[in-house]
Structures are given as structure tokens and as C-alpha cells.
């Protein structure tokens, strides 16, 4: 398809561009969906992408008389990114009760899954949420046609490798496959997972379900080229479907 006269601009789909939904435990399910707007075409750019996923454990306990520390065992092993601190980024702790809600800063982490809280008050009921980069299951990014007859995966890896990789290293960074794939209006891009963990993505304000402002290291960044569908010739949707690799 002739494309040398089609004006494009480089952009990036970020977490805030997607509709975030809770995943189904141990079943392939979407956690984020982006629908290409009317009269727009996007193409997968040959640039590094960003992707990390956090999960969360809720822990409820009451400290005993004289007890000011508490050892927690996380549900899943931490998948540590050595580029960021283990305390406060790989693992983020939030006190929910007693109110007010606040980020807890006095704790230590021992891999693979131990968190020790300090600075607690004795004889006090607590609820904590622990957000952390985890390492179980797989993640893929799929493109689905408007009529849902055609889909292809442009990225697939284990969650552990995605969370642990140095994404700023140009020798190791993440790239999507099918560079240049044409994705016209009403097509969907979905981030999908199969994992026993509940995935929580960063959201600047929402703090419920699969979204939290405290899950700072859980994000999507997909580089794309953006163009106007009116600049494309007729048959763009059929051409896009022909590019895909599998039929549902």
C-alpha cells in the first residue's frame, strides 16, 4: 500500500489512554483496552516500549502488647528490577487503617517475598496494602479487528522477564513485534495476562480494584505513529486485516 505521502507523527499510548479492567485469575483476560478513535490510523513504531505490572496483597492484623514490628509474607515472589530501589518502588506499602491513608516508609524487604514493617503502634488494628512487582504468569499485547474476526499478538513474554528487565538498556529494552502494523479506526489494542495474581495498574486518582495511584511502577507505554484515516486510500481496513497473523 502506498504510504509515502501520508503525514504521520510519533506518539505513545500510555496507561491513561487505556480502559483498565480487573483480570480473571488464571485465565487469559484483558487488563487494558484501547480502541482506535474514528478517522485515525496508528502504526506500531520501531521504538522501545515500556511495560511493568504490579500486584497487591491486603494484610489485616492487630499488634500485641509491646509489638512494634510485624513480618509479612507476600503471596507471590518479587520480580526485582535492579534499576530501582527495593523499598519504595519494587515494593510499595500503604496503610489503610488507622486513617488517614498514607504510604508507609519504615519497612525492609528480603527476597523472595518477605516484608518487615517497623514503627507500628502496639495494641493497634491495622490494614495494609502491599504493591509489588511480581513474577508469575505471562503477558501479551494483541490487536483485534473491529469485527473481531482477526487478531494478532504483537508482544508476548513472561511477566517475570518484563518486570525484571532493564528497560533503559538499549541492548535489552522491550520492542513490540510486527513493526509498521496498520491499526485503523475501531480496531482494539489489548494488554492481556494469564496469571494467578490480580494485576493493578497505576492511575493518578482512582484507588479501587485494578487501579491505584500507589502502583507507580505498573504502567504501559507503547510507541506508535499516528495519522488521519482520510489520508489513506480505500481498503485500509482490509489491508490491516491481511497483515494479521491469525484468525479467531
Protein backbone atom coordinates (compact mmCIF):
# COMPACT_ATOMS: atom_id res chain seq x y z
CA UNK A 1 0.00 0.00 0.00
CA UNK A 2 1.39 3.39 -0.98
CA UNK A 3 2.24 5.34 2.15
CA UNK A 4 4.97 7.85 1.33
CA UNK A 5 2.58 10.80 1.18
CA UNK A 6 0.75 10.02 4.42
CA UNK A 7 1.74 12.51 7.15
CA UNK A 8 2.49 10.85 10.47
CA UNK A 9 3.52 11.97 13.91
CA UNK A 10 5.25 9.91 16.57
CA UNK A 11 3.19 9.32 19.69
CA UNK A 12 2.88 6.99 22.61
CA UNK A 13 -0.06 5.13 24.10
CA UNK A 14 0.17 5.33 27.86
CA UNK A 15 -1.73 3.70 30.70
CA UNK A 16 -4.17 6.62 30.88
CA UNK A 17 -5.21 6.01 27.25
CA UNK A 18 -6.48 2.52 28.06
CA UNK A 19 -9.65 1.33 29.78
CA UNK A 20 -8.40 -0.69 32.76
CA UNK A 21 -10.28 -3.78 33.92
CA UNK A 22 -9.58 -6.48 36.55
CA UNK A 23 -8.12 -9.72 35.20
CA UNK A 24 -9.64 -13.16 35.72
CA UNK A 25 -7.34 -15.28 37.86
CA UNK A 26 -5.52 -17.98 35.85
CA UNK A 27 -7.47 -17.24 32.64
CA UNK A 28 -6.29 -15.16 29.70
CA UNK A 29 -8.05 -11.86 30.13
CA UNK A 30 -7.56 -8.24 29.22
CA UNK A 31 -6.32 -5.76 31.80
CA UNK A 32 -6.21 -2.74 29.47
CA UNK A 33 -8.03 -1.94 26.20
CA UNK A 34 -7.53 0.89 23.74
CA UNK A 35 -9.98 1.47 20.89
CA UNK A 36 -8.58 3.44 17.93
CA UNK A 37 -10.71 6.60 17.57
CA UNK A 38 -12.73 7.42 14.46
CA UNK A 39 -10.76 8.63 11.42
CA UNK A 40 -7.42 7.70 12.96
CA UNK A 41 -4.83 5.14 11.94
CA UNK A 42 -1.96 4.11 14.17
CA UNK A 43 1.09 2.03 13.30
CA UNK A 44 3.48 0.18 15.59
CA UNK A 45 6.72 2.16 15.78
CA UNK A 46 10.21 0.65 15.87
CA UNK A 47 10.94 2.21 19.26
CA UNK A 48 11.42 0.86 22.77
CA UNK A 49 8.22 0.28 24.71
CA UNK A 50 7.66 0.33 28.46
CA UNK A 51 5.71 -2.26 30.42
CA UNK A 52 5.68 -3.28 34.06
CA UNK A 53 2.97 -4.93 36.14
CA UNK A 54 2.32 -4.88 39.88
CA UNK A 55 0.04 -6.92 42.07
CA UNK A 56 -1.20 -6.19 45.57
CA UNK A 57 -1.74 -8.04 48.85
CA UNK A 58 -4.05 -6.78 51.60
CA UNK A 59 -2.93 -7.67 55.12
CA UNK A 60 -5.03 -7.22 58.27
CA UNK A 61 -3.67 -7.70 61.78
CA UNK A 62 -3.69 -6.31 65.33
CA UNK A 63 -0.40 -5.75 67.08
CA UNK A 64 0.04 -7.23 70.52
CA UNK A 65 1.13 -5.55 73.73
CA UNK A 66 4.59 -4.10 73.13
CA UNK A 67 4.64 -5.23 69.45
CA UNK A 68 6.02 -2.56 67.09
CA UNK A 69 7.17 -4.74 64.17
CA UNK A 70 5.36 -7.27 62.01
CA UNK A 71 6.70 -9.71 59.39
CA UNK A 72 4.55 -10.20 56.27
CA UNK A 73 4.88 -12.98 53.70
CA UNK A 74 3.71 -11.93 50.24
CA UNK A 75 1.55 -14.20 48.12
CA UNK A 76 3.94 -14.17 45.14
CA UNK A 77 7.69 -13.80 44.72
CA UNK A 78 9.02 -10.33 43.96
CA UNK A 79 10.40 -9.88 40.43
CA UNK A 80 13.04 -7.31 41.25
CA UNK A 81 14.09 -4.56 38.85
CA UNK A 82 17.64 -3.79 39.98
CA UNK A 83 17.44 -0.28 38.48
CA UNK A 84 15.02 0.93 41.16
CA UNK A 85 15.10 0.69 44.97
CA UNK A 86 13.69 -2.45 46.51
CA UNK A 87 11.93 -0.39 49.20
CA UNK A 88 9.50 2.20 47.92
CA UNK A 89 9.49 1.22 44.22
CA UNK A 90 9.82 -2.54 43.69
CA UNK A 91 7.67 -2.81 46.83
CA UNK A 92 5.28 -0.06 47.99
CA UNK A 93 3.42 -0.29 51.30
CA UNK A 94 0.25 1.68 52.09
CA UNK A 95 -1.50 1.92 55.46
CA UNK A 96 -5.27 1.93 55.04
CA UNK A 97 -6.25 1.63 58.72
CA UNK A 98 -5.94 3.53 61.01
CA UNK A 99 -6.81 6.52 58.86
CA UNK A 100 -5.63 8.67 57.21
CA UNK A 101 -4.41 6.52 54.31
CA UNK A 102 -0.69 7.04 53.87
CA UNK A 103 2.34 5.47 52.25
CA UNK A 104 4.42 3.59 54.83
CA UNK A 105 8.15 4.19 54.64
CA UNK A 106 9.59 2.23 57.55
CA UNK A 107 9.94 -1.31 56.27
CA UNK A 108 12.53 -3.69 54.89
CA UNK A 109 12.28 -6.28 52.14
CA UNK A 110 14.00 -9.64 51.88
CA UNK A 111 13.62 -11.57 48.66
CA UNK A 112 11.83 -13.58 47.53
CA UNK A 113 8.69 -12.45 49.44
CA UNK A 114 9.28 -11.11 52.97
CA UNK A 115 8.35 -7.61 54.14
CA UNK A 116 9.06 -6.46 57.72
CA UNK A 117 7.07 -3.44 58.91
CA UNK A 118 8.56 -1.30 61.67
CA UNK A 119 7.37 1.78 63.54
CA UNK A 120 3.98 0.27 64.40
CA UNK A 121 1.96 1.12 67.48
CA UNK A 122 1.31 -1.65 69.99
CA UNK A 123 -2.23 -2.95 70.52
CA UNK A 124 -3.49 -1.36 67.28
CA UNK A 125 -5.62 -2.76 64.46
CA UNK A 126 -4.00 -2.29 61.04
CA UNK A 127 -4.89 -2.80 57.39
CA UNK A 128 -2.02 -2.55 54.90
CA UNK A 129 -1.87 -2.90 51.12
CA UNK A 130 1.45 -4.05 49.68
CA UNK A 131 2.02 -3.35 45.96
CA UNK A 132 4.93 -5.13 44.31
CA UNK A 133 6.42 -6.21 41.01
CA UNK A 134 5.70 -9.91 40.76
CA UNK A 135 6.96 -12.77 38.64
CA UNK A 136 4.31 -15.33 37.79
CA UNK A 137 2.35 -15.75 34.55
CA UNK A 138 2.56 -14.24 31.06
CA UNK A 139 1.55 -11.04 29.32
CA UNK A 140 0.77 -10.27 25.68
CA UNK A 141 -0.35 -7.30 23.63
CA UNK A 142 -2.92 -8.20 20.98
CA UNK A 143 -4.51 -6.27 18.12
CA UNK A 144 -8.14 -7.17 17.33
CA UNK A 145 -10.07 -6.06 14.26
CA UNK A 146 -13.29 -4.09 14.57
CA UNK A 147 -15.38 -7.11 13.56
CA UNK A 148 -13.39 -9.36 15.96
CA UNK A 149 -12.69 -11.82 13.14
CA UNK A 150 -8.96 -11.20 13.09
CA UNK A 151 -6.35 -10.80 15.79
CA UNK A 152 -2.61 -10.92 16.18
CA UNK A 153 -0.15 -10.75 19.04
CA UNK A 154 2.48 -8.06 18.70
CA UNK A 155 4.19 -8.86 22.01
CA UNK A 156 4.35 -11.85 24.39
CA UNK A 157 6.67 -12.59 27.31
CA UNK A 158 6.67 -13.87 30.87
CA UNK A 159 5.66 -11.28 33.44
CA UNK A 160 8.81 -12.07 35.40
CA UNK A 161 11.11 -11.16 32.50
CA UNK A 162 9.15 -7.97 31.75
CA UNK A 163 9.30 -6.81 35.36
CA UNK A 164 12.98 -7.63 35.88
CA UNK A 165 14.48 -6.37 32.62
CA UNK A 166 16.44 -3.13 32.50
CA UNK A 167 14.13 -1.32 30.08
CA UNK A 168 16.53 1.60 29.74
CA UNK A 169 19.30 -0.57 28.31
CA UNK A 170 19.25 -0.29 24.51
CA UNK A 171 20.67 -3.80 24.25
CA UNK A 172 17.87 -5.32 26.30
CA UNK A 173 14.86 -3.00 26.04
CA UNK A 174 11.40 -4.18 25.05
CA UNK A 175 10.13 -3.84 21.50
CA UNK A 176 6.81 -4.88 20.03
CA UNK A 177 6.74 -7.20 17.04
CA UNK A 178 5.07 -6.54 13.67
CA UNK A 179 6.67 -3.10 13.29
CA UNK A 180 4.59 -0.97 10.94
CA UNK A 181 1.38 -2.91 11.56
CA UNK A 182 -1.54 -0.73 10.41
CA UNK A 183 -4.30 -0.39 13.00
CA UNK A 184 -7.28 1.66 11.74
CA UNK A 185 -10.31 3.11 13.49
CA UNK A 186 -12.36 0.85 15.78
CA UNK A 187 -9.58 -1.75 15.99
CA UNK A 188 -8.59 -2.57 19.56
CA UNK A 189 -5.24 -2.95 21.27
CA UNK A 190 -5.42 -5.10 24.37
CA UNK A 191 -2.91 -5.94 27.08
CA UNK A 192 -3.77 -9.45 28.23
CA UNK A 193 -2.41 -11.65 31.01
CA UNK A 194 -2.58 -15.19 32.30
CA UNK A 195 -1.61 -15.14 35.97
CA UNK A 196 -2.78 -16.20 39.44
CA UNK A 197 -2.12 -12.64 40.64
CA UNK A 198 -4.51 -9.70 40.47
CA UNK A 199 -2.84 -7.05 38.31
CA UNK A 200 -3.03 -3.43 39.49
CA UNK A 201 -2.10 -0.59 37.13
CA UNK A 202 -1.18 2.97 38.03
CA UNK A 203 -3.94 5.55 37.95
CA UNK A 204 -3.41 9.15 39.13
CA UNK A 205 -6.64 9.35 41.16
CA UNK A 206 -8.65 6.10 41.19
CA UNK A 207 -7.78 3.85 44.13
CA UNK A 208 -10.03 0.85 43.70
CA UNK A 209 -9.99 -2.55 42.04
CA UNK A 210 -7.36 -2.81 39.32
CA UNK A 211 -6.27 0.85 39.64
CA UNK A 212 -4.25 2.68 42.25
CA UNK A 213 -2.10 5.83 42.46
CA UNK A 214 0.26 3.83 44.69
CA UNK A 215 1.06 1.25 41.97
CA UNK A 216 3.58 3.67 40.48
CA UNK A 217 5.74 1.03 38.80
CA UNK A 218 2.83 -0.56 36.93
CA UNK A 219 2.43 1.05 33.52
CA UNK A 220 2.04 0.71 29.74
CA UNK A 221 3.96 2.78 27.17
CA UNK A 222 3.54 1.73 23.54
CA UNK A 223 5.24 3.88 20.85
CA UNK A 224 3.12 4.45 17.74
CA UNK A 225 2.83 6.58 14.62
CA UNK A 226 -0.46 8.46 14.28
CA UNK A 227 -2.13 9.52 11.03
CA UNK A 228 -5.52 10.55 9.68
CA UNK A 229 -7.51 7.77 8.05
CA UNK A 230 -8.74 10.26 5.42
CA UNK A 231 -5.16 10.39 4.12
CA UNK A 232 -5.16 6.65 3.48
CA UNK A 233 -6.54 5.00 0.32
CA UNK A 234 -9.73 2.99 0.29
CA UNK A 235 -9.43 -0.55 1.60
CA UNK A 236 -7.24 0.32 4.58
CA UNK A 237 -9.24 -1.88 6.93
CA UNK A 238 -8.97 -4.89 4.61
CA UNK A 239 -5.25 -4.25 4.22
CA UNK A 240 -4.87 -4.10 8.00
CA UNK A 241 -6.69 -7.40 8.43
CA UNK A 242 -4.45 -9.04 5.85
CA UNK A 243 -1.41 -8.07 7.91
CA UNK A 244 -2.58 -10.02 10.92
CA UNK A 245 -1.22 -13.44 11.61
CA UNK A 246 -4.19 -15.43 12.91
CA UNK A 247 -7.95 -15.66 12.50
CA UNK A 248 -10.11 -16.15 15.54
